[in-house]
């Protein structure tokens, strides 16, 4: 069985932006808000991990669906994770929102 490596820096800024359907500048903004942090890979080019891409996707989805700013989306994710950790129900419209591998 092949294991997914969530913490390995694989994705350049351009690749991550393409995966998310965003502009690279948007991802830099998210990075400034502490939503993701690029780290140096073997080639010394800064790259995002899969965990970063999943967090960026979650924030992008909240921004598009609910008009949240990046800071508000980050806080919403934290609140949803707290609800999940305490086994409390989420609001109905956010029940299908997958945060299993998101770390913010």
C-alpha atoms as a PDB file:
ATOM      1  CA  UNK A   1       0.000   0.000   0.000  1.00  0.00           C
ATOM      2  CA  UNK A   2       1.326   3.446  -0.923  1.00  0.00           C
ATOM      3  CA  UNK A   3       1.186   6.052   1.818  1.00  0.00           C
ATOM      4  CA  UNK A   4       0.416   9.662   1.094  1.00  0.00           C
ATOM      5  CA  UNK A   5       3.106  11.978   2.399  1.00  0.00           C
ATOM      6  CA  UNK A   6       1.346  14.993   3.865  1.00  0.00           C
ATOM      7  CA  UNK A   7       4.449  16.749   5.147  1.00  0.00           C
ATOM      8  CA  UNK A   8       6.822  16.406   2.206  1.00  0.00           C
ATOM      9  CA  UNK A   9       7.326  19.730   0.352  1.00  0.00           C
ATOM     10  CA  UNK A  10       6.379  18.829  -3.219  1.00  0.00           C
ATOM     11  CA  UNK A  11       4.382  21.639  -4.825  1.00  0.00           C
ATOM     12  CA  UNK A  12       5.805  24.890  -6.156  1.00  0.00           C
ATOM     13  CA  UNK A  13       3.763  28.056  -5.836  1.00  0.00           C
ATOM     14  CA  UNK A  14       2.702  27.847  -9.488  1.00  0.00           C
ATOM     15  CA  UNK A  15       1.667  24.187  -9.242  1.00  0.00           C
ATOM     16  CA  UNK A  16      -0.269  24.718  -5.995  1.00  0.00           C
ATOM     17  CA  UNK A  17      -2.047  27.730  -7.519  1.00  0.00           C
ATOM     18  CA  UNK A  18      -3.013  25.683 -10.574  1.00  0.00           C
ATOM     19  CA  UNK A  19      -4.273  22.807  -8.405  1.00  0.00           C
ATOM     20  CA  UNK A  20      -6.490  25.238  -6.490  1.00  0.00           C
ATOM     21  CA  UNK A  21      -7.606  27.349  -9.433  1.00  0.00           C
ATOM     22  CA  UNK A  22      -6.110  30.431  -7.746  1.00  0.00           C
ATOM     23  CA  UNK A  23      -3.563  33.047  -8.612  1.00  0.00           C
ATOM     24  CA  UNK A  24      -0.068  32.653  -7.100  1.00  0.00           C
ATOM     25  CA  UNK A  25      -0.481  36.039  -5.408  1.00  0.00           C
ATOM     26  CA  UNK A  26      -3.544  34.740  -3.578  1.00  0.00           C
ATOM     27  CA  UNK A  27      -1.507  31.874  -2.140  1.00  0.00           C
ATOM     28  CA  UNK A  28       1.201  34.296  -1.038  1.00  0.00           C
ATOM     29  CA  UNK A  29      -1.511  36.288   0.761  1.00  0.00           C
ATOM     30  CA  UNK A  30      -2.771  33.115   2.447  1.00  0.00           C
ATOM     31  CA  UNK A  31       0.799  32.339   3.445  1.00  0.00           C
ATOM     32  CA  UNK A  32       1.073  35.773   5.095  1.00  0.00           C
ATOM     33  CA  UNK A  33      -2.074  34.935   7.110  1.00  0.00           C
ATOM     34  CA  UNK A  34      -0.375  31.767   8.387  1.00  0.00           C
ATOM     35  CA  UNK A  35      -2.667  29.381   6.524  1.00  0.00           C
ATOM     36  CA  UNK A  36       0.227  27.599   4.835  1.00  0.00           C
ATOM     37  CA  UNK A  37       3.979  27.880   4.932  1.00  0.00           C
ATOM     38  CA  UNK A  38       6.267  26.948   2.109  1.00  0.00           C
ATOM     39  CA  UNK A  39       9.422  25.107   3.081  1.00  0.00           C
ATOM     40  CA  UNK A  40      12.642  24.440   1.232  1.00  0.00           C
ATOM     41  CA  UNK A  41      12.822  21.206  -0.715  1.00  0.00           C
ATOM     42  CA  UNK A  42      15.901  19.391  -1.964  1.00  0.00           C
ATOM     43  CA  UNK A  43      16.443  21.974  -4.709  1.00  0.00           C
ATOM     44  CA  UNK A  44      16.187  24.916  -2.258  1.00  0.00           C
ATOM     45  CA  UNK A  45      13.029  26.064  -4.058  1.00  0.00           C
ATOM     46  CA  UNK A  46      10.291  26.767  -1.587  1.00  0.00           C
ATOM     47  CA  UNK A  47       7.408  24.321  -1.884  1.00  0.00           C
ATOM     48  CA  UNK A  48       4.066  23.569  -0.299  1.00  0.00           C
ATOM     49  CA  UNK A  49       3.215  20.230   1.318  1.00  0.00           C
ATOM     50  CA  UNK A  50       0.040  18.315   0.545  1.00  0.00           C
ATOM     51  CA  UNK A  51      -1.232  19.350   3.991  1.00  0.00           C
ATOM     52  CA  UNK A  52      -0.671  23.000   2.992  1.00  0.00           C
ATOM     53  CA  UNK A  53      -2.560  22.485  -0.275  1.00  0.00           C
ATOM     54  CA  UNK A  54      -5.482  20.895   1.606  1.00  0.00           C
ATOM     55  CA  UNK A  55      -5.580  23.849   4.038  1.00  0.00           C
ATOM     56  CA  UNK A  56      -5.433  26.307   1.142  1.00  0.00           C
ATOM     57  CA  UNK A  57      -8.266  24.438  -0.584  1.00  0.00           C
ATOM     58  CA  UNK A  58     -10.409  24.605   2.557  1.00  0.00           C
ATOM     59  CA  UNK A  59      -9.833  28.348   2.893  1.00  0.00           C
ATOM     60  CA  UNK A  60     -10.539  28.921  -0.805  1.00  0.00           C
ATOM     61  CA  UNK A  61     -13.782  26.995  -0.522  1.00  0.00           C
ATOM     62  CA  UNK A  62     -14.952  29.017   2.490  1.00  0.00           C
ATOM     63  CA  UNK A  63     -14.047  32.248   0.716  1.00  0.00           C
ATOM     64  CA  UNK A  64     -15.935  31.301  -2.442  1.00  0.00           C
ATOM     65  CA  UNK A  65     -19.011  29.786  -0.794  1.00  0.00           C
ATOM     66  CA  UNK A  66     -19.442  32.138   2.157  1.00  0.00           C
ATOM     67  CA  UNK A  67     -17.532  35.296   1.211  1.00  0.00           C
ATOM     68  CA  UNK A  68     -15.155  35.016   4.162  1.00  0.00           C
ATOM     69  CA  UNK A  69     -11.839  36.784   4.294  1.00  0.00           C
ATOM     70  CA  UNK A  70      -8.722  34.613   4.876  1.00  0.00           C
ATOM     71  CA  UNK A  71      -8.589  35.335   8.613  1.00  0.00           C
ATOM     72  CA  UNK A  72     -12.278  34.490   9.029  1.00  0.00           C
ATOM     73  CA  UNK A  73     -11.875  31.275   7.035  1.00  0.00           C
ATOM     74  CA  UNK A  74      -8.914  30.267   9.200  1.00  0.00           C
ATOM     75  CA  UNK A  75     -10.975  30.847  12.348  1.00  0.00           C
ATOM     76  CA  UNK A  76     -13.939  28.929  10.916  1.00  0.00           C
ATOM     77  CA  UNK A  77     -11.681  25.947  10.213  1.00  0.00           C
ATOM     78  CA  UNK A  78     -10.362  26.073  13.772  1.00  0.00           C
ATOM     79  CA  UNK A  79     -13.916  26.193  15.140  1.00  0.00           C
ATOM     80  CA  UNK A  80     -14.997  23.251  12.983  1.00  0.00           C
ATOM     81  CA  UNK A  81     -11.967  21.279  14.139  1.00  0.00           C
ATOM     82  CA  UNK A  82     -12.872  22.009  17.759  1.00  0.00           C
ATOM     83  CA  UNK A  83     -16.429  20.817  17.172  1.00  0.00           C
ATOM     84  CA  UNK A  84     -15.065  17.633  15.590  1.00  0.00           C
ATOM     85  CA  UNK A  85     -12.559  17.059  18.411  1.00  0.00           C
ATOM     86  CA  UNK A  86     -15.339  17.289  20.993  1.00  0.00           C
ATOM     87  CA  UNK A  87     -17.734  15.225  18.855  1.00  0.00           C
ATOM     88  CA  UNK A  88     -20.227  18.060  18.640  1.00  0.00           C
ATOM     89  CA  UNK A  89     -22.407  18.412  15.541  1.00  0.00           C
ATOM     90  CA  UNK A  90     -21.458  20.929  12.894  1.00  0.00           C
ATOM     91  CA  UNK A  91     -23.965  23.315  11.322  1.00  0.00           C
ATOM     92  CA  UNK A  92     -25.844  21.440   8.580  1.00  0.00           C
ATOM     93  CA  UNK A  93     -24.281  23.383   5.695  1.00  0.00           C
ATOM     94  CA  UNK A  94     -20.743  22.534   6.901  1.00  0.00           C
ATOM     95  CA  UNK A  95     -21.187  18.838   7.695  1.00  0.00           C
ATOM     96  CA  UNK A  96     -19.627  17.661   4.426  1.00  0.00           C
ATOM     97  CA  UNK A  97     -16.658  19.996   4.714  1.00  0.00           C
ATOM     98  CA  UNK A  98     -13.614  17.678   4.871  1.00  0.00           C
ATOM     99  CA  UNK A  99     -10.888  18.803   7.285  1.00  0.00           C
ATOM    100  CA  UNK A 100      -9.356  15.402   8.107  1.00  0.00           C
ATOM    101  CA  UNK A 101      -5.853  16.305   6.936  1.00  0.00           C
ATOM    102  CA  UNK A 102      -5.993  20.081   7.381  1.00  0.00           C
ATOM    103  CA  UNK A 103      -3.711  21.662   9.942  1.00  0.00           C
ATOM    104  CA  UNK A 104      -3.925  25.402  10.547  1.00  0.00           C
END
